[in-house]
C-alpha atoms as a PDB file:
ATOM      1  CA  MET A   1     -67.784-194.010 124.800  1.00  0.00           C
ATOM      2  CA  SER A   2     -69.288-193.557 121.323  1.00  0.00           C
ATOM      3  CA  TRP A   3     -70.442-190.166 120.064  1.00  0.00           C
ATOM      4  CA  GLN A   4     -74.007-189.173 120.955  1.00  0.00           C
ATOM      5  CA  PRO A   5     -76.039-186.042 120.119  1.00  0.00           C
ATOM      6  CA  SER A   6     -76.896-183.703 122.948  1.00  0.00           C
ATOM      7  CA  PRO A   7     -80.324-184.510 124.440  1.00  0.00           C
ATOM      8  CA  ASP A   8     -81.486-180.917 123.914  1.00  0.00           C
ATOM      9  CA  TRP A   9     -80.898-181.017 120.146  1.00  0.00           C
ATOM     10  CA  GLN A  10     -83.986-181.270 117.959  1.00  0.00           C
ATOM     11  CA  PRO A  11     -83.706-183.987 115.268  1.00  0.00           C
ATOM     12  CA  LEU A  12     -84.285-182.677 111.759  1.00  0.00           C
ATOM     13  CA  THR A  13     -83.744-185.953 109.908  1.00  0.00           C
ATOM     14  CA  ALA A  14     -82.582-189.473 110.587  1.00  0.00           C
ATOM     15  CA  GLY A  15     -79.860-189.009 107.996  1.00  0.00           C
ATOM     16  CA  ILE A  16     -79.930-188.579 104.236  1.00  0.00           C
ATOM     17  CA  GLY A  17     -76.912-189.686 102.242  1.00  0.00           C
ATOM     18  CA  GLN A  18     -74.547-192.584 102.656  1.00  0.00           C
ATOM     19  CA  ALA A  19     -72.286-190.782 105.139  1.00  0.00           C
ATOM     20  CA  THR A  20     -74.912-188.851 107.125  1.00  0.00           C
ATOM     21  CA  GLY A  21     -75.581-190.111 110.625  1.00  0.00           C
ATOM     22  CA  GLY A  22     -78.157-187.484 111.531  1.00  0.00           C
ATOM     23  CA  VAL A  23     -78.997-183.776 111.467  1.00  0.00           C
ATOM     24  CA  TRP A  24     -80.131-181.692 114.450  1.00  0.00           C
ATOM     25  CA  ARG A  25     -81.033-178.107 115.387  1.00  0.00           C
ATOM     26  CA  THR A  26     -79.438-176.830 118.576  1.00  0.00           C
ATOM     27  CA  PRO A  27     -81.166-174.498 121.086  1.00  0.00           C
ATOM     28  CA  GLY A  28     -78.742-171.812 119.928  1.00  0.00           C
ATOM     29  CA  GLY A  29     -79.974-172.098 116.337  1.00  0.00           C
ATOM     30  CA  GLU A  30     -77.045-173.989 114.797  1.00  0.00           C
ATOM     31  CA  VAL A  31     -77.510-177.029 112.571  1.00  0.00           C
ATOM     32  CA  VAL A  32     -75.366-180.022 113.483  1.00  0.00           C
ATOM     33  CA  LYS A  33     -74.701-182.758 110.954  1.00  0.00           C
ATOM     34  CA  ARG A  34     -73.006-185.981 111.944  1.00  0.00           C
ATOM     35  CA  LEU A  35     -70.860-187.636 109.277  1.00  0.00           C
ATOM     36  CA  VAL A  36     -69.954-191.300 109.681  1.00  0.00           C
ATOM     37  CA  SER A  37     -67.126-193.164 108.002  1.00  0.00           C
ATOM     38  CA  GLY A  38     -67.928-194.640 104.608  1.00  0.00           C
ATOM     39  CA  VAL A  39     -66.389-194.485 101.137  1.00  0.00           C
ATOM     40  CA  THR A  40     -62.730-193.492 101.452  1.00  0.00           C
ATOM     41  CA  GLU A  41     -61.884-192.786  97.782  1.00  0.00           C
ATOM     42  CA  PRO A  42     -61.646-188.962  97.607  1.00  0.00           C
ATOM     43  CA  ARG A  43     -62.890-188.741  94.002  1.00  0.00           C
ATOM     44  CA  HIS A  44     -65.894-191.014  94.498  1.00  0.00           C
ATOM     45  CA  HIS A  45     -69.246-189.241  94.563  1.00  0.00           C
ATOM     46  CA  ALA A  46     -70.004-190.691  98.018  1.00  0.00           C
ATOM     47  CA  TYR A  47     -66.674-189.834  99.693  1.00  0.00           C
ATOM     48  CA  TRP A  48     -67.681-189.550 103.330  1.00  0.00           C
ATOM     49  CA  GLU A  49     -65.574-186.542 104.371  1.00  0.00           C
ATOM     50  CA  ARG A  50     -66.436-184.247 101.456  1.00  0.00           C
ATOM     51  CA  GLN A  51     -69.139-182.189 103.187  1.00  0.00           C
ATOM     52  CA  ALA A  52     -66.763-181.417 106.040  1.00  0.00           C
ATOM     53  CA  LEU A  53     -63.952-180.524 103.644  1.00  0.00           C
ATOM     54  CA  VAL A  54     -66.237-178.165 101.703  1.00  0.00           C
ATOM     55  CA  ALA A  55     -67.117-176.387 104.940  1.00  0.00           C
ATOM     56  CA  GLU A  56     -63.576-176.397 106.321  1.00  0.00           C
ATOM     57  CA  SER A  57     -61.932-175.161 103.113  1.00  0.00           C
ATOM     58  CA  GLY A  58     -64.415-172.389 102.372  1.00  0.00           C
ATOM     59  CA  VAL A  59     -64.097-173.201  98.660  1.00  0.00           C
ATOM     60  CA  VAL A  60     -67.737-172.254  98.011  1.00  0.00           C
ATOM     61  CA  ALA A  61     -68.240-169.879 100.937  1.00  0.00           C
ATOM     62  CA  ARG A  62     -68.373-166.765  98.722  1.00  0.00           C
ATOM     63  CA  THR A  63     -69.093-167.997  95.218  1.00  0.00           C
ATOM     64  CA  ALA A  64     -71.625-166.125  93.097  1.00  0.00           C
ATOM     65  CA  GLY A  65     -75.030-167.676  92.511  1.00  0.00           C
ATOM     66  CA  LEU A  66     -74.643-170.599  94.884  1.00  0.00           C
ATOM     67  CA  ARG A  67     -72.779-170.859  98.166  1.00  0.00           C
ATOM     68  CA  ALA A  68     -72.555-173.012 101.276  1.00  0.00           C
ATOM     69  CA  PRO A  69     -73.928-172.112 104.722  1.00  0.00           C
ATOM     70  CA  VAL A  70     -71.552-170.461 107.172  1.00  0.00           C
ATOM     71  CA  CYS A  71     -69.472-173.090 108.952  1.00  0.00           C
ATOM     72  CA  ARG A  72     -69.495-172.689 112.750  1.00  0.00           C
ATOM     73  CA  GLY A  73     -66.863-175.364 113.345  1.00  0.00           C
ATOM     74  CA  LEU A  74     -66.256-179.086 113.126  1.00  0.00           C
ATOM     75  CA  GLU A  75     -64.793-181.766 115.338  1.00  0.00           C
ATOM     76  CA  ARG A  76     -63.240-185.047 114.280  1.00  0.00           C
ATOM     77  CA  ASP A  77     -63.220-188.135 116.478  1.00  0.00           C
ATOM     78  CA  ALA A  78     -62.554-191.838 116.059  1.00  0.00           C
ATOM     79  CA  ASP A  79     -66.039-192.540 114.746  1.00  0.00           C
ATOM     80  CA  GLY A  80     -66.737-189.607 112.454  1.00  0.00           C
ATOM     81  CA  ILE A  81     -67.057-185.850 112.085  1.00  0.00           C
ATOM     82  CA  THR A  82     -69.458-183.422 113.736  1.00  0.00           C
ATOM     83  CA  LEU A  83     -70.152-180.460 111.467  1.00  0.00           C
ATOM     84  CA  ARG A  84     -71.754-177.282 112.826  1.00  0.00           C
ATOM     85  CA  MET A  85     -73.364-174.808 110.417  1.00  0.00           C
ATOM     86  CA  ALA A  86     -75.481-171.678 110.556  1.00  0.00           C
ATOM     87  CA  HIS A  87     -79.173-172.407 110.210  1.00  0.00           C
ATOM     88  CA  VAL A  88     -80.522-171.710 106.715  1.00  0.00           C
ATOM     89  CA  ALA A  89     -84.056-170.325 106.631  1.00  0.00           C
ATOM     90  CA  PRO A  90     -85.979-171.812 103.693  1.00  0.00           C
ATOM     91  CA  TYR A  91     -86.977-169.537 100.834  1.00  0.00           C
ATOM     92  CA  GLU A  92     -89.420-170.413  98.063  1.00  0.00           C
ATOM     93  CA  TRP A  93     -87.446-169.966  94.865  1.00  0.00           C
ATOM     94  CA  ALA A  94     -88.983-170.108  91.405  1.00  0.00           C
ATOM     95  CA  PRO A  95     -87.250-172.816  89.310  1.00  0.00           C
ATOM     96  CA  GLU A  96     -86.127-170.203  86.779  1.00  0.00           C
ATOM     97  CA  ALA A  97     -84.470-168.194  89.567  1.00  0.00           C
ATOM     98  CA  LEU A  98     -82.621-171.318  90.687  1.00  0.00           C
ATOM     99  CA  ALA A  99     -81.468-171.948  87.114  1.00  0.00           C
ATOM    100  CA  GLU A 100     -80.250-168.356  86.900  1.00  0.00           C
ATOM    101  CA  ALA A 101     -78.273-168.800  90.116  1.00  0.00           C
ATOM    102  CA  LEU A 102     -76.771-172.041  88.811  1.00  0.00           C
ATOM    103  CA  GLY A 103     -75.702-170.145  85.692  1.00  0.00           C
ATOM    104  CA  ARG A 104     -73.804-167.604  87.786  1.00  0.00           C
ATOM    105  CA  PHE A 105     -72.242-170.378  89.872  1.00  0.00           C
ATOM    106  CA  SER A 106     -71.102-172.263  86.758  1.00  0.00           C
ATOM    107  CA  ALA A 107     -69.208-169.167  85.603  1.00  0.00           C
ATOM    108  CA  CYS A 108     -67.166-168.968  88.811  1.00  0.00           C
ATOM    109  CA  SER A 109     -63.482-169.797  88.858  1.00  0.00           C
ATOM    110  CA  VAL A 110     -63.206-172.485  91.542  1.00  0.00           C
ATOM    111  CA  PRO A 111     -59.980-174.443  92.084  1.00  0.00           C
ATOM    112  CA  GLU A 112     -60.526-178.180  91.927  1.00  0.00           C
ATOM    113  CA  PRO A 113     -59.561-179.778  95.245  1.00  0.00           C
ATOM    114  CA  ASP A 114     -58.105-183.264  95.192  1.00  0.00           C
ATOM    115  CA  TRP A 115     -61.149-184.466  97.136  1.00  0.00           C
ATOM    116  CA  GLY A 116     -63.730-183.046  94.705  1.00  0.00           C
ATOM    117  CA  ALA A 117     -66.161-185.511  93.133  1.00  0.00           C
ATOM    118  CA  ARG A 118     -65.448-186.656  89.608  1.00  0.00           C
ATOM    119  CA  ASN A 119     -67.346-188.945  87.251  1.00  0.00           C
ATOM    120  CA  VAL A 120     -70.523-188.858  89.337  1.00  0.00           C
ATOM    121  CA  LEU A 121     -72.791-190.139  86.560  1.00  0.00           C
ATOM    122  CA  ARG A 122     -70.232-192.763  85.480  1.00  0.00           C
ATOM    123  CA  ASP A 123     -69.982-194.094  89.055  1.00  0.00           C
ATOM    124  CA  ARG A 124     -73.759-194.218  89.375  1.00  0.00           C
ATOM    125  CA  LEU A 125     -74.222-196.011  86.054  1.00  0.00           C
ATOM    126  CA  ARG A 126     -71.617-198.603  87.073  1.00  0.00           C
ATOM    127  CA  THR A 127     -73.735-199.272  90.159  1.00  0.00           C
ATOM    128  CA  VAL A 128     -76.835-199.604  87.970  1.00  0.00           C
ATOM    129  CA  GLU A 129     -74.972-202.055  85.733  1.00  0.00           C
ATOM    130  CA  ARG A 130     -74.064-204.247  88.705  1.00  0.00           C
ATOM    131  CA  ARG A 131     -77.733-204.304  89.698  1.00  0.00           C
ATOM    132  CA  GLY A 132     -78.911-205.501  86.311  1.00  0.00           C
ATOM    133  CA  GLY A 133     -79.281-202.250  84.379  1.00  0.00           C
ATOM    134  CA  TRP A 134     -82.766-201.009  83.621  1.00  0.00           C
ATOM    135  CA  ALA A 135     -84.318-204.470  83.293  1.00  0.00           C
ATOM    136  CA  ALA A 136     -86.687-203.719  86.179  1.00  0.00           C
ATOM    137  CA  LEU A 137     -88.562-201.279  83.933  1.00  0.00           C
ATOM    138  CA  GLY A 138     -90.022-204.186  81.987  1.00  0.00           C
ATOM    139  CA  GLY A 139     -92.922-202.976  79.876  1.00  0.00           C
ATOM    140  CA  LEU A 140     -92.227-199.361  80.795  1.00  0.00           C
ATOM    141  CA  SER A 141     -89.067-199.441  78.720  1.00  0.00           C
ATOM    142  CA  THR A 142     -89.392-197.788  75.317  1.00  0.00           C
ATOM    143  CA  PRO A 143     -87.167-198.028  72.216  1.00  0.00           C
ATOM    144  CA  ALA A 144     -85.695-194.640  73.182  1.00  0.00           C
ATOM    145  CA  ILE A 145     -84.890-195.848  76.714  1.00  0.00           C
ATOM    146  CA  GLN A 146     -83.308-199.001  75.295  1.00  0.00           C
ATOM    147  CA  ALA A 147     -81.221-196.908  72.901  1.00  0.00           C
ATOM    148  CA  LEU A 148     -80.198-194.625  75.764  1.00  0.00           C
ATOM    149  CA  TRP A 149     -78.912-197.595  77.768  1.00  0.00           C
ATOM    150  CA  ALA A 150     -77.087-199.042  74.780  1.00  0.00           C
ATOM    151  CA  ARG A 151     -75.336-195.722  74.127  1.00  0.00           C
ATOM    152  CA  ARG A 152     -74.307-195.005  77.709  1.00  0.00           C
ATOM    153  CA  GLU A 153     -70.550-195.234  77.062  1.00  0.00           C
ATOM    154  CA  THR A 154     -70.812-192.775  74.190  1.00  0.00           C
ATOM    155  CA  ALA A 155     -72.914-190.482  76.377  1.00  0.00           C
ATOM    156  CA  LEU A 156     -70.244-190.536  79.091  1.00  0.00           C
ATOM    157  CA  GLU A 157     -67.604-189.628  76.500  1.00  0.00           C
ATOM    158  CA  VAL A 158     -69.768-186.708  75.352  1.00  0.00           C
ATOM    159  CA  LEU A 159     -70.034-185.479  78.945  1.00  0.00           C
ATOM    160  CA  ASP A 160     -66.274-185.884  79.433  1.00  0.00           C
ATOM    161  CA  ALA A 161     -65.680-183.570  76.456  1.00  0.00           C
ATOM    162  CA  LEU A 162     -67.862-180.743  77.820  1.00  0.00           C
ATOM    163  CA  PRO A 163     -66.357-177.773  79.678  1.00  0.00           C
ATOM    164  CA  ARG A 164     -65.795-178.513  83.364  1.00  0.00           C
ATOM    165  CA  VAL A 165     -67.527-176.151  85.761  1.00  0.00           C
ATOM    166  CA  PRO A 166     -68.221-175.987  89.506  1.00  0.00           C
ATOM    167  CA  THR A 167     -71.076-178.321  90.401  1.00  0.00           C
ATOM    168  CA  HIS A 168     -73.067-178.751  93.584  1.00  0.00           C
ATOM    169  CA  GLY A 169     -73.709-182.338  92.534  1.00  0.00           C
ATOM    170  CA  ASP A 170     -77.254-182.715  93.874  1.00  0.00           C
ATOM    171  CA  ALA A 171     -79.008-179.530  92.794  1.00  0.00           C
ATOM    172  CA  HIS A 172     -82.503-180.682  93.686  1.00  0.00           C
ATOM    173  CA  PRO A 173     -84.755-177.796  94.813  1.00  0.00           C
ATOM    174  CA  ALA A 174     -84.851-179.242  98.349  1.00  0.00           C
ATOM    175  CA  ASN A 175     -81.099-178.625  98.626  1.00  0.00           C
ATOM    176  CA  LEU A 176     -81.251-175.129  97.104  1.00  0.00           C
ATOM    177  CA  LEU A 177     -82.745-173.899 100.294  1.00  0.00           C
ATOM    178  CA  GLY A 178     -81.939-170.388 101.471  1.00  0.00           C
ATOM    179  CA  ARG A 179     -81.399-166.885 100.173  1.00  0.00           C
ATOM    180  CA  ASP A 180     -78.733-164.234 100.547  1.00  0.00           C
ATOM    181  CA  GLY A 181     -79.701-161.391  98.248  1.00  0.00           C
ATOM    182  CA  ASP A 182     -79.807-162.886  94.753  1.00  0.00           C
ATOM    183  CA  ASP A 183     -77.695-165.866  95.782  1.00  0.00           C
ATOM    184  CA  VAL A 184     -78.897-169.307  96.842  1.00  0.00           C
ATOM    185  CA  ILE A 185     -77.645-170.858 100.075  1.00  0.00           C
ATOM    186  CA  ALA A 186     -77.382-174.556  99.280  1.00  0.00           C
ATOM    187  CA  ILE A 187     -77.032-177.469 101.688  1.00  0.00           C
ATOM    188  CA  ASP A 188     -75.718-181.034 101.276  1.00  0.00           C
ATOM    189  CA  TRP A 189     -72.521-180.491  99.296  1.00  0.00           C
ATOM    190  CA  GLU A 190     -71.488-184.136  99.530  1.00  0.00           C
ATOM    191  CA  GLN A 191     -71.091-184.453  95.717  1.00  0.00           C
ATOM    192  CA  PHE A 192     -69.355-181.127  95.090  1.00  0.00           C
ATOM    193  CA  GLY A 193     -66.658-180.982  92.419  1.00  0.00           C
ATOM    194  CA  LEU A 194     -65.969-179.835  88.894  1.00  0.00           C
ATOM    195  CA  GLY A 195     -68.283-181.571  86.467  1.00  0.00           C
ATOM    196  CA  PRO A 196     -69.619-181.276  82.930  1.00  0.00           C
ATOM    197  CA  ALA A 197     -71.521-178.163  81.913  1.00  0.00           C
ATOM    198  CA  GLY A 198     -75.234-178.617  82.542  1.00  0.00           C
ATOM    199  CA  PHE A 199     -74.831-181.228  85.281  1.00  0.00           C
ATOM    200  CA  ASP A 200     -76.584-179.233  88.007  1.00  0.00           C
ATOM    201  CA  LEU A 201     -79.249-178.046  85.575  1.00  0.00           C
ATOM    202  CA  GLY A 202     -80.085-181.672  84.767  1.00  0.00           C
ATOM    203  CA  TYR A 203     -80.749-182.390  88.432  1.00  0.00           C
ATOM    204  CA  LEU A 204     -82.837-179.238  88.736  1.00  0.00           C
ATOM    205  CA  LEU A 205     -84.892-180.308  85.717  1.00  0.00           C
ATOM    206  CA  LEU A 206     -85.772-183.578  87.478  1.00  0.00           C
ATOM    207  CA  GLY A 207     -87.155-181.655  90.441  1.00  0.00           C
ATOM    208  CA  THR A 208     -89.338-179.194  88.545  1.00  0.00           C
ATOM    209  CA  ASP A 209     -92.041-179.092  85.888  1.00  0.00           C
ATOM    210  CA  VAL A 210     -90.470-176.173  84.013  1.00  0.00           C
ATOM    211  CA  PRO A 211     -89.444-176.929  80.395  1.00  0.00           C
ATOM    212  CA  LEU A 212     -85.745-177.347  79.710  1.00  0.00           C
ATOM    213  CA  ASP A 213     -85.893-174.449  77.219  1.00  0.00           C
ATOM    214  CA  ASP A 214     -86.872-172.062  80.022  1.00  0.00           C
ATOM    215  CA  LEU A 215     -84.270-173.388  82.447  1.00  0.00           C
ATOM    216  CA  VAL A 216     -81.483-173.126  79.868  1.00  0.00           C
ATOM    217  CA  ALA A 217     -82.513-169.549  79.021  1.00  0.00           C
ATOM    218  CA  ALA A 218     -82.457-168.590  82.712  1.00  0.00           C
ATOM    219  CA  HIS A 219     -79.108-170.337  83.206  1.00  0.00           C
ATOM    220  CA  GLU A 220     -77.615-168.439  80.272  1.00  0.00           C
ATOM    221  CA  ALA A 221     -79.015-165.148  81.578  1.00  0.00           C
ATOM    222  CA  GLY A 222     -77.391-165.789  84.942  1.00  0.00           C
ATOM    223  CA  ALA A 223     -74.021-166.582  83.407  1.00  0.00           C
ATOM    224  CA  SER A 224     -74.186-163.429  81.283  1.00  0.00           C
ATOM    225  CA  ARG A 225     -74.628-161.303  84.436  1.00  0.00           C
ATOM    226  CA  THR A 226     -71.249-162.302  85.804  1.00  0.00           C
ATOM    227  CA  HIS A 227     -69.072-160.195  83.531  1.00  0.00           C
ATOM    228  CA  HIS A 228     -66.276-160.158  86.095  1.00  0.00           C
ATOM    229  CA  LEU A 229     -66.124-163.956  86.064  1.00  0.00           C
ATOM    230  CA  PRO A 230     -64.672-166.311  83.447  1.00  0.00           C
ATOM    231  CA  SER A 231     -66.755-166.995  80.357  1.00  0.00           C
ATOM    232  CA  ALA A 232     -69.556-169.443  80.986  1.00  0.00           C
ATOM    233  CA  PRO A 233     -69.883-172.551  78.812  1.00  0.00           C
ATOM    234  CA  PRO A 234     -71.960-172.195  75.630  1.00  0.00           C
ATOM    235  CA  SER A 235     -75.689-172.723  76.114  1.00  0.00           C
ATOM    236  CA  GLY A 236     -75.598-175.648  73.680  1.00  0.00           C
ATOM    237  CA  ASP A 237     -73.121-177.449  75.931  1.00  0.00           C
ATOM    238  CA  VAL A 238     -75.244-176.647  78.977  1.00  0.00           C
ATOM    239  CA  ARG A 239     -78.386-177.987  77.324  1.00  0.00           C
ATOM    240  CA  GLY A 240     -76.689-181.154  76.090  1.00  0.00           C
ATOM    241  CA  GLY A 241     -75.165-181.871  79.487  1.00  0.00           C
ATOM    242  CA  ALA A 242     -78.461-181.214  81.269  1.00  0.00           C
ATOM    243  CA  ALA A 243     -80.434-183.488  78.930  1.00  0.00           C
ATOM    244  CA  LEU A 244     -77.960-186.363  79.297  1.00  0.00           C
ATOM    245  CA  VAL A 245     -77.709-186.088  83.077  1.00  0.00           C
ATOM    246  CA  ALA A 246     -81.478-185.759  83.533  1.00  0.00           C
ATOM    247  CA  ALA A 247     -82.281-188.662  81.216  1.00  0.00           C
ATOM    248  CA  TYR A 248     -79.825-191.172  82.673  1.00  0.00           C
ATOM    249  CA  THR A 249     -80.536-190.132  86.248  1.00  0.00           C
ATOM    250  CA  GLY A 250     -84.316-190.042  85.840  1.00  0.00           C
ATOM    251  CA  VAL A 251     -84.563-193.435  84.143  1.00  0.00           C
ATOM    252  CA  SER A 252     -82.175-194.986  86.680  1.00  0.00           C
ATOM    253  CA  ARG A 253     -84.283-193.653  89.556  1.00  0.00           C
ATOM    254  CA  ALA A 254     -87.462-195.084  88.042  1.00  0.00           C
ATOM    255  CA  ALA A 255     -85.846-198.493  87.513  1.00  0.00           C
ATOM    256  CA  TRP A 256     -84.581-198.519  91.094  1.00  0.00           C
ATOM    257  CA  ALA A 257     -87.907-197.357  92.557  1.00  0.00           C
ATOM    258  CA  LEU A 258     -90.130-199.986  90.940  1.00  0.00           C
ATOM    259  CA  GLY A 259     -91.363-202.396  93.573  1.00  0.00           C
ATOM    260  CA  ARG A 260     -90.599-199.955  96.390  1.00  0.00           C
ATOM    261  CA  THR A 261     -92.902-197.693  98.357  1.00  0.00           C
ATOM    262  CA  GLY A 262     -93.348-194.347  96.650  1.00  0.00           C
ATOM    263  CA  ALA A 263     -92.331-195.582  93.204  1.00  0.00           C
ATOM    264  CA  GLY A 264     -95.264-193.772  91.611  1.00  0.00           C
ATOM    265  CA  ASP A 265     -93.577-190.372  91.613  1.00  0.00           C
ATOM    266  CA  HIS A 266     -90.510-191.681  89.800  1.00  0.00           C
ATOM    267  CA  VAL A 267     -92.583-193.639  87.281  1.00  0.00           C
ATOM    268  CA  GLU A 268     -94.847-190.651  86.619  1.00  0.00           C
ATOM    269  CA  ARG A 269     -91.807-188.445  86.039  1.00  0.00           C
ATOM    270  CA  LEU A 270     -90.389-191.066  83.688  1.00  0.00           C
ATOM    271  CA  GLY A 271     -93.374-190.519  81.418  1.00  0.00           C
ATOM    272  CA  ARG A 272     -92.841-186.765  81.489  1.00  0.00           C
ATOM    273  CA  LEU A 273     -89.169-187.261  80.583  1.00  0.00           C
ATOM    274  CA  ALA A 274     -89.935-188.807  77.191  1.00  0.00           C
ATOM    275  CA  SER A 275     -88.831-185.777  75.179  1.00  0.00           C
ATOM    276  CA  ILE A 276     -85.666-185.407  77.291  1.00  0.00           C
ATOM    277  CA  VAL A 277     -84.839-189.076  76.731  1.00  0.00           C
ATOM    278  CA  ASP A 278     -85.269-188.580  72.984  1.00  0.00           C
ATOM    279  CA  GLU A 279     -82.987-185.541  73.099  1.00  0.00           C
ATOM    280  CA  ALA A 280     -80.389-187.389  75.170  1.00  0.00           C
ATOM    281  CA  VAL A 281     -80.356-190.263  72.670  1.00  0.00           C
ATOM    282  CA  SER A 282     -79.556-187.777  69.909  1.00  0.00           C
ATOM    283  CA  HIS A 283     -76.680-186.312  71.941  1.00  0.00           C
ATOM    284  CA  ALA A 284     -75.302-189.819  72.492  1.00  0.00           C
ATOM    285  CA  ALA A 285     -75.550-190.814  68.842  1.00  0.00           C
END
């Protein structure tokens, strides 16, 4: 008999992410996430077991700035993994406070597990290439966007040369959900790993309307608070990484969204990213 959720669980979502088969709230207040078999390469950004391994290992259970919810247990079966976590009450964070927390997290010393995501942006751009690049943008493409696409290999080399720091991998405000003192309780760690400085800040930038200058300043302030932790990467590296990640991710999202329901948000944000695209082109020169 195949796995089925308990009938008294309340569905929270039909499943977000390639390996997510559903999320529920139990009568006892736990959150249950069902992971289904998918990508089996442990370094790939979509490796299906990663969220369970993050919870099981406790690698980010006590990190400063950003940490995972408390794991209540997990069960493996022939069809997938059932992950049980403490419920995380949502808290309305200011974007600058999230950037500050990401700064503290980036300064943590976290061992890199052999199942941690690597080359997230490179993997995603390879997928975009197979789908025809950014051709779908048509008249929305600008000379700067065209230059950004042409320089993508150089940009990836620039990111490879940046300091490697702990990264959540999908630091959108919707995933930076709860609060424990000054720390953020984050959900959906499916792309966790060690990545280039500024990676998480680039994703945060895409989900806010706060200028990059302000986010970088808050990130640097957070890193400077953690005197007992290793030195954080220089703010210039953080800014460069954030600009590159935000530009390539934001343009790719807009190109993918065109012709689909809800494309307007991505296209509107593309217009607001013009200065970030220009900056990213300069970093990839």
